[in-house]
Every structure is written in C-alpha cells, then in structure tokens.
C-alpha cells in the first residue's frame, strides 16, 4: 500500500512537471509568405530646407527630375545670365519590361511606315 501511494505521488509529480514544460515551450511564429519577383528598385531621399531671401521668386521646372546641390553658397553674389543656381537632372524613364518594350518598338515601326 505504501508503495502504491509513493508511485501515485511520483506519477502525479512527473505529470505536473511534464505539463509545465509543455506549457512553457516556445510557440511557432506566424509569418506571411509570398512569391519573390524581380523588379525595379527605386530609392529616393526627400528633404526640406529653409531659405532667407529679400525678394521672393517662383522657380518652376516643366519636367520631372532631381535638383543637384546648388553651387551657390550663402552670401554669394549672383548675376542674371551668368550664375547657375540649380542643375536639374531629368528623371530616368520608367523601367520597361520585355512586353512593353516590344509594343513600343512595334508602335515606332508602325509610325515610321
């Protein structure tokens, strides 16, 4: 009888330890999956600046592009027709995949005919 009680106590203790170990096992992380495709990567940097000017002027560019750093420093004198204040580099044309390129070339050939 004493052996049966001891065996039951040890079995209960081992079951409790096993339950605790199972409860504290790390759970798997849920993740999203998707297909991997090649594509164009576009990296851009946008920044804001503050200027102090005497006479406000509106400068617009009828094209899409990036403005290079201005060669004119604070306090430099500028003269009309002689000073380059900004250099605008045109944006690269959008990436054309093979199908779009073939369609564009066919349109050019058709227009030339």
N, C-alpha and C. Protein backbone atom coordinates (compact mmCIF):
# COMPACT_ATOMS: atom_id res chain seq x y z
N UNK A 1 0.82 -1.18 0.00
CA UNK A 1 0.00 0.00 0.00
C UNK A 1 0.87 1.25 0.00
N UNK A 2 1.90 1.24 0.79
CA UNK A 2 2.80 2.38 0.85
C UNK A 2 3.48 2.60 -0.50
N UNK A 3 3.86 1.53 -1.17
CA UNK A 3 4.50 1.61 -2.49
C UNK A 3 3.53 2.20 -3.52
N UNK A 4 2.26 1.84 -3.46
CA UNK A 4 1.26 2.35 -4.40
C UNK A 4 1.07 3.85 -4.22
N UNK A 5 1.04 4.32 -2.97
CA UNK A 5 0.90 5.76 -2.72
C UNK A 5 2.12 6.52 -3.23
N UNK A 6 3.31 5.96 -2.99
CA UNK A 6 4.55 6.61 -3.46
C UNK A 6 4.61 6.65 -4.98
N UNK A 7 4.20 5.56 -5.63
CA UNK A 7 4.18 5.51 -7.09
C UNK A 7 3.18 6.52 -7.65
N UNK A 8 2.00 6.64 -7.03
CA UNK A 8 1.00 7.61 -7.47
C UNK A 8 1.50 9.04 -7.28
N UNK A 9 2.18 9.30 -6.17
CA UNK A 9 2.72 10.63 -5.91
C UNK A 9 3.80 10.99 -6.93
N UNK A 10 4.69 10.06 -7.22
CA UNK A 10 5.75 10.30 -8.21
C UNK A 10 5.15 10.50 -9.59
N UNK A 11 4.15 9.71 -9.96
CA UNK A 11 3.49 9.85 -11.26
C UNK A 11 2.80 11.20 -11.38
N UNK A 12 2.15 11.65 -10.32
CA UNK A 12 1.49 12.96 -10.32
C UNK A 12 2.51 14.08 -10.44
N UNK A 13 3.61 13.96 -9.71
CA UNK A 13 4.67 14.96 -9.77
C UNK A 13 5.28 15.03 -11.17
N UNK A 14 5.56 13.88 -11.78
CA UNK A 14 6.12 13.86 -13.14
C UNK A 14 5.13 14.41 -14.16
N UNK A 15 3.84 14.13 -13.98
CA UNK A 15 2.82 14.67 -14.88
C UNK A 15 2.75 16.19 -14.76
N UNK A 16 2.86 16.70 -13.53
CA UNK A 16 2.84 18.16 -13.34
C UNK A 16 4.06 18.81 -13.98
N UNK A 17 5.24 18.20 -13.82
CA UNK A 17 6.46 18.73 -14.45
C UNK A 17 6.32 18.70 -15.97
N UNK A 18 5.80 17.60 -16.51
CA UNK A 18 5.62 17.50 -17.96
C UNK A 18 4.63 18.55 -18.46
N UNK A 19 3.56 18.80 -17.72
CA UNK A 19 2.58 19.82 -18.11
C UNK A 19 3.20 21.21 -18.09
N UNK A 20 4.02 21.51 -17.10
CA UNK A 20 4.69 22.81 -17.05
C UNK A 20 5.68 22.98 -18.20
N UNK A 21 6.45 21.94 -18.50
CA UNK A 21 7.40 22.02 -19.61
C UNK A 21 6.65 22.24 -20.92
N UNK A 22 5.57 21.51 -21.12
CA UNK A 22 4.79 21.66 -22.36
C UNK A 22 4.17 23.06 -22.46
N UNK A 23 3.71 23.61 -21.33
CA UNK A 23 3.07 24.93 -21.33
C UNK A 23 4.05 26.05 -21.67
N UNK A 24 5.32 25.89 -21.28
CA UNK A 24 6.30 26.95 -21.50
C UNK A 24 7.18 26.73 -22.72
N UNK A 25 6.86 25.75 -23.56
CA UNK A 25 7.61 25.58 -24.81
C UNK A 25 7.33 26.78 -25.71
N UNK A 26 8.32 27.25 -26.47
CA UNK A 26 8.07 28.40 -27.34
C UNK A 26 7.09 28.04 -28.46
N UNK A 27 6.18 28.97 -28.71
CA UNK A 27 5.18 28.76 -29.75
C UNK A 27 5.75 29.18 -31.10
N UNK A 28 5.36 28.53 -32.19
CA UNK A 28 5.85 28.94 -33.51
C UNK A 28 5.30 30.32 -33.88
N UNK A 29 6.10 31.09 -34.63
CA UNK A 29 5.69 32.42 -35.06
C UNK A 29 4.87 32.32 -36.34
N UNK A 30 3.80 33.07 -36.42
CA UNK A 30 3.02 33.14 -37.64
C UNK A 30 3.66 34.17 -38.56
N UNK A 31 3.89 33.80 -39.80
CA UNK A 31 4.52 34.69 -40.76
C UNK A 31 3.71 34.71 -42.04
N UNK A 32 3.87 35.80 -42.80
CA UNK A 32 3.23 35.89 -44.10
C UNK A 32 4.20 35.37 -45.15
N UNK A 33 3.67 34.68 -46.14
CA UNK A 33 4.53 34.20 -47.22
C UNK A 33 4.03 34.79 -48.53
N UNK A 34 4.95 34.95 -49.46
CA UNK A 34 4.62 35.50 -50.77
C UNK A 34 5.64 35.00 -51.78
N UNK A 35 5.37 35.24 -53.05
CA UNK A 35 6.32 34.85 -54.08
C UNK A 35 7.33 35.97 -54.27
N UNK A 36 8.52 35.60 -54.65
CA UNK A 36 9.58 36.57 -54.87
C UNK A 36 9.67 36.85 -56.36
N UNK A 37 9.70 38.13 -56.73
CA UNK A 37 9.79 38.53 -58.13
C UNK A 37 10.89 39.57 -58.30
N UNK A 38 11.48 39.57 -59.48
CA UNK A 38 12.44 40.62 -59.82
C UNK A 38 11.68 41.87 -60.22
N UNK A 39 12.22 43.00 -59.85
CA UNK A 39 11.58 44.24 -60.22
C UNK A 39 12.53 45.41 -60.03
N UNK A 40 12.08 46.55 -60.46
CA UNK A 40 12.90 47.75 -60.33
C UNK A 40 12.86 48.24 -58.89
N UNK A 41 13.97 48.71 -58.42
CA UNK A 41 14.04 49.26 -57.06
C UNK A 41 14.26 50.76 -57.18
N UNK A 42 13.46 51.51 -56.49
CA UNK A 42 13.57 52.95 -56.56
C UNK A 42 13.89 53.48 -55.17
N UNK A 43 14.96 54.22 -55.08
CA UNK A 43 15.37 54.81 -53.81
C UNK A 43 15.34 56.32 -53.98
N UNK A 44 14.70 57.00 -53.06
CA UNK A 44 14.67 58.46 -53.15
C UNK A 44 14.84 59.06 -51.75
N UNK A 45 15.35 60.26 -51.74
CA UNK A 45 15.53 60.99 -50.49
C UNK A 45 14.82 62.32 -50.64
N UNK A 46 13.96 62.62 -49.70
CA UNK A 46 13.26 63.89 -49.71
C UNK A 46 13.69 64.68 -48.47
N UNK A 47 13.95 65.95 -48.67
CA UNK A 47 14.36 66.78 -47.54
C UNK A 47 13.77 68.18 -47.72
N UNK A 48 13.61 68.85 -46.62
CA UNK A 48 13.10 70.21 -46.65
C UNK A 48 14.18 71.16 -46.16
N UNK A 49 14.18 72.35 -46.70
CA UNK A 49 15.15 73.34 -46.28
C UNK A 49 14.48 74.69 -46.07
N UNK A 50 15.18 75.58 -45.44
CA UNK A 50 14.67 76.92 -45.17
C UNK A 50 15.65 77.92 -45.75
N UNK A 51 15.12 78.92 -46.46
CA UNK A 51 15.96 79.97 -47.02
C UNK A 51 15.48 81.32 -46.50
N UNK A 52 16.39 82.27 -46.50
CA UNK A 52 16.04 83.64 -46.15
C UNK A 52 16.38 84.50 -47.36
N UNK A 53 15.36 85.09 -47.97
CA UNK A 53 15.57 85.88 -49.18
C UNK A 53 14.91 87.25 -49.03
N UNK A 54 15.41 88.19 -49.83
CA UNK A 54 14.84 89.54 -49.80
C UNK A 54 13.63 89.63 -50.72
N UNK A 55 13.81 89.16 -51.95
CA UNK A 55 12.72 89.22 -52.93
C UNK A 55 12.31 87.80 -53.31
N UNK A 56 11.06 87.44 -53.08
CA UNK A 56 10.63 86.08 -53.43
C UNK A 56 10.48 85.91 -54.94
N UNK A 57 10.92 84.78 -55.45
CA UNK A 57 10.79 84.44 -56.86
C UNK A 57 10.24 83.02 -56.93
N UNK A 58 9.37 82.79 -57.87
CA UNK A 58 8.84 81.44 -58.08
C UNK A 58 9.61 80.82 -59.23
N UNK A 59 10.24 79.69 -58.96
CA UNK A 59 11.00 78.97 -59.98
C UNK A 59 10.32 77.64 -60.21
N UNK A 60 9.93 77.38 -61.45
CA UNK A 60 9.29 76.10 -61.76
C UNK A 60 10.05 75.43 -62.89
N UNK A 61 9.94 74.12 -62.94
CA UNK A 61 10.58 73.35 -64.00
C UNK A 61 9.51 72.48 -64.66
N UNK A 62 9.38 72.56 -65.98
CA UNK A 62 8.34 71.78 -66.66
C UNK A 62 8.77 70.33 -66.91
N UNK A 63 9.54 69.76 -66.01
CA UNK A 63 10.00 68.39 -66.18
C UNK A 63 10.16 67.73 -64.83
N UNK A 64 10.22 66.41 -64.88
CA UNK A 64 10.42 65.65 -63.65
C UNK A 64 11.89 65.33 -63.52
N UNK A 65 12.44 65.53 -62.36
CA UNK A 65 13.86 65.23 -62.18
C UNK A 65 14.30 65.53 -60.76
N UNK A 66 15.60 65.54 -60.58
CA UNK A 66 16.17 65.85 -59.28
C UNK A 66 17.05 67.07 -59.40
N UNK A 67 17.07 67.86 -58.36
CA UNK A 67 17.90 69.06 -58.34
C UNK A 67 19.21 68.72 -57.65
N UNK A 68 20.32 68.99 -58.34
CA UNK A 68 21.63 68.76 -57.74
C UNK A 68 21.91 69.85 -56.72
N UNK A 69 22.90 69.62 -55.90
CA UNK A 69 23.26 70.64 -54.91
C UNK A 69 23.63 71.94 -55.63
N UNK A 70 23.22 73.03 -55.06
CA UNK A 70 23.48 74.32 -55.67
C UNK A 70 24.94 74.72 -55.47
N UNK A 71 25.60 75.17 -56.54
CA UNK A 71 26.99 75.61 -56.39
C UNK A 71 27.09 76.98 -55.71
N UNK A 72 25.96 77.64 -55.53
CA UNK A 72 25.95 78.96 -54.92
C UNK A 72 25.86 78.80 -53.40
N UNK A 73 26.76 79.46 -52.69
CA UNK A 73 26.79 79.40 -51.24
C UNK A 73 26.07 80.62 -50.66
N UNK A 74 25.76 80.54 -49.39
CA UNK A 74 25.09 81.65 -48.71
C UNK A 74 25.99 82.88 -48.79
N UNK A 75 25.41 83.99 -49.22
CA UNK A 75 26.16 85.24 -49.28
C UNK A 75 26.83 85.50 -50.62
N UNK A 76 26.86 84.51 -51.54
CA UNK A 76 27.47 84.72 -52.85
C UNK A 76 26.60 85.68 -53.67
N UNK A 77 27.27 86.50 -54.45
CA UNK A 77 26.56 87.40 -55.35
C UNK A 77 26.18 86.63 -56.61
N UNK A 78 24.98 86.86 -57.10
CA UNK A 78 24.53 86.21 -58.33
C UNK A 78 24.17 87.29 -59.34
N UNK A 79 24.44 87.00 -60.62
CA UNK A 79 24.14 87.94 -61.69
C UNK A 79 23.27 87.25 -62.73
N UNK A 80 22.34 88.01 -63.27
CA UNK A 80 21.44 87.46 -64.27
C UNK A 80 22.23 87.02 -65.50
N UNK A 81 21.96 85.78 -65.95
CA UNK A 81 22.60 85.27 -67.16
C UNK A 81 23.98 84.67 -66.94
N UNK A 82 24.59 84.87 -65.78
CA UNK A 82 25.94 84.36 -65.54
C UNK A 82 26.00 83.27 -64.47
N UNK A 83 25.02 83.23 -63.61
CA UNK A 83 25.10 82.32 -62.47
C UNK A 83 24.13 81.16 -62.64
N UNK A 84 24.62 79.96 -62.39
CA UNK A 84 23.76 78.78 -62.38
C UNK A 84 23.38 78.51 -60.93
N UNK A 85 22.10 78.66 -60.64
CA UNK A 85 21.65 78.47 -59.27
C UNK A 85 21.29 77.02 -59.00
N UNK A 86 20.73 76.34 -59.99
CA UNK A 86 20.33 74.94 -59.80
C UNK A 86 20.56 74.16 -61.08
N UNK A 87 20.92 72.90 -60.92
CA UNK A 87 21.07 71.98 -62.05
C UNK A 87 20.04 70.87 -61.85
N UNK A 88 19.16 70.71 -62.83
CA UNK A 88 18.12 69.69 -62.72
C UNK A 88 18.48 68.54 -63.64
N UNK A 89 18.62 67.36 -63.04
CA UNK A 89 18.90 66.15 -63.82
C UNK A 89 17.56 65.49 -64.12
N UNK A 90 17.26 65.22 -65.40
CA UNK A 90 15.98 64.57 -65.72
C UNK A 90 15.88 63.20 -65.06
N UNK A 91 14.66 62.83 -64.70
CA UNK A 91 14.43 61.52 -64.09
C UNK A 91 14.62 60.44 -65.13
N UNK A 92 15.05 59.27 -64.68
CA UNK A 92 15.22 58.14 -65.58
C UNK A 92 13.84 57.69 -66.04
N UNK A 93 13.70 57.29 -67.32
CA UNK A 93 12.40 56.82 -67.77
C UNK A 93 12.01 55.55 -67.01
N UNK A 94 10.72 55.31 -66.95
CA UNK A 94 10.23 54.14 -66.22
C UNK A 94 10.78 52.86 -66.85
N UNK A 95 11.02 51.88 -66.02
CA UNK A 95 11.54 50.59 -66.47
C UNK A 95 10.50 49.92 -67.37
N UNK A 96 10.94 49.46 -68.54
CA UNK A 96 10.05 48.76 -69.46
C UNK A 96 10.36 47.27 -69.42
N UNK A 97 9.34 46.47 -69.22
CA UNK A 97 9.57 45.04 -69.30
C UNK A 97 9.61 44.63 -70.77
N UNK A 98 9.88 43.37 -71.05
CA UNK A 98 10.07 42.91 -72.43
C UNK A 98 8.82 43.13 -73.27
N UNK A 99 7.65 42.88 -72.71
CA UNK A 99 6.42 43.03 -73.47
C UNK A 99 6.16 44.50 -73.82
N UNK A 100 6.31 45.38 -72.85
CA UNK A 100 6.08 46.81 -73.09
C UNK A 100 7.10 47.36 -74.08
N UNK A 101 8.37 46.90 -73.98
CA UNK A 101 9.39 47.34 -74.92
C UNK A 101 9.03 46.89 -76.34
N UNK A 102 8.57 45.64 -76.50
CA UNK A 102 8.19 45.13 -77.82
C UNK A 102 7.02 45.92 -78.39
N UNK A 103 6.05 46.26 -77.55
CA UNK A 103 4.91 47.05 -78.01
C UNK A 103 5.36 48.45 -78.44
N UNK A 104 6.27 49.05 -77.68
CA UNK A 104 6.75 50.39 -78.03
C UNK A 104 7.53 50.36 -79.33
N UNK A 105 8.38 49.35 -79.52
CA UNK A 105 9.14 49.24 -80.77
C UNK A 105 8.21 49.00 -81.95
N UNK A 106 7.16 48.19 -81.77
CA UNK A 106 6.19 47.96 -82.84
C UNK A 106 5.45 49.24 -83.19
N UNK A 107 5.14 50.05 -82.19
CA UNK A 107 4.46 51.32 -82.45
C UNK A 107 5.36 52.27 -83.23
N UNK A 108 6.66 52.28 -82.92
CA UNK A 108 7.60 53.13 -83.66
C UNK A 108 7.70 52.67 -85.11
N UNK A 109 7.81 51.35 -85.33
CA UNK A 109 7.90 50.82 -86.69
C UNK A 109 6.63 51.15 -87.46
N UNK A 110 5.48 51.02 -86.81
CA UNK A 110 4.21 51.33 -87.47
C UNK A 110 4.12 52.82 -87.80
N UNK A 111 4.60 53.67 -86.92
CA UNK A 111 4.54 55.11 -87.17
C UNK A 111 5.48 55.52 -88.30
N UNK A 112 6.63 54.83 -88.42
CA UNK A 112 7.58 55.16 -89.48
C UNK A 112 7.11 54.66 -90.84
N UNK A 113 6.25 53.65 -90.87
CA UNK A 113 5.80 53.06 -92.14
C UNK A 113 4.81 53.94 -92.85
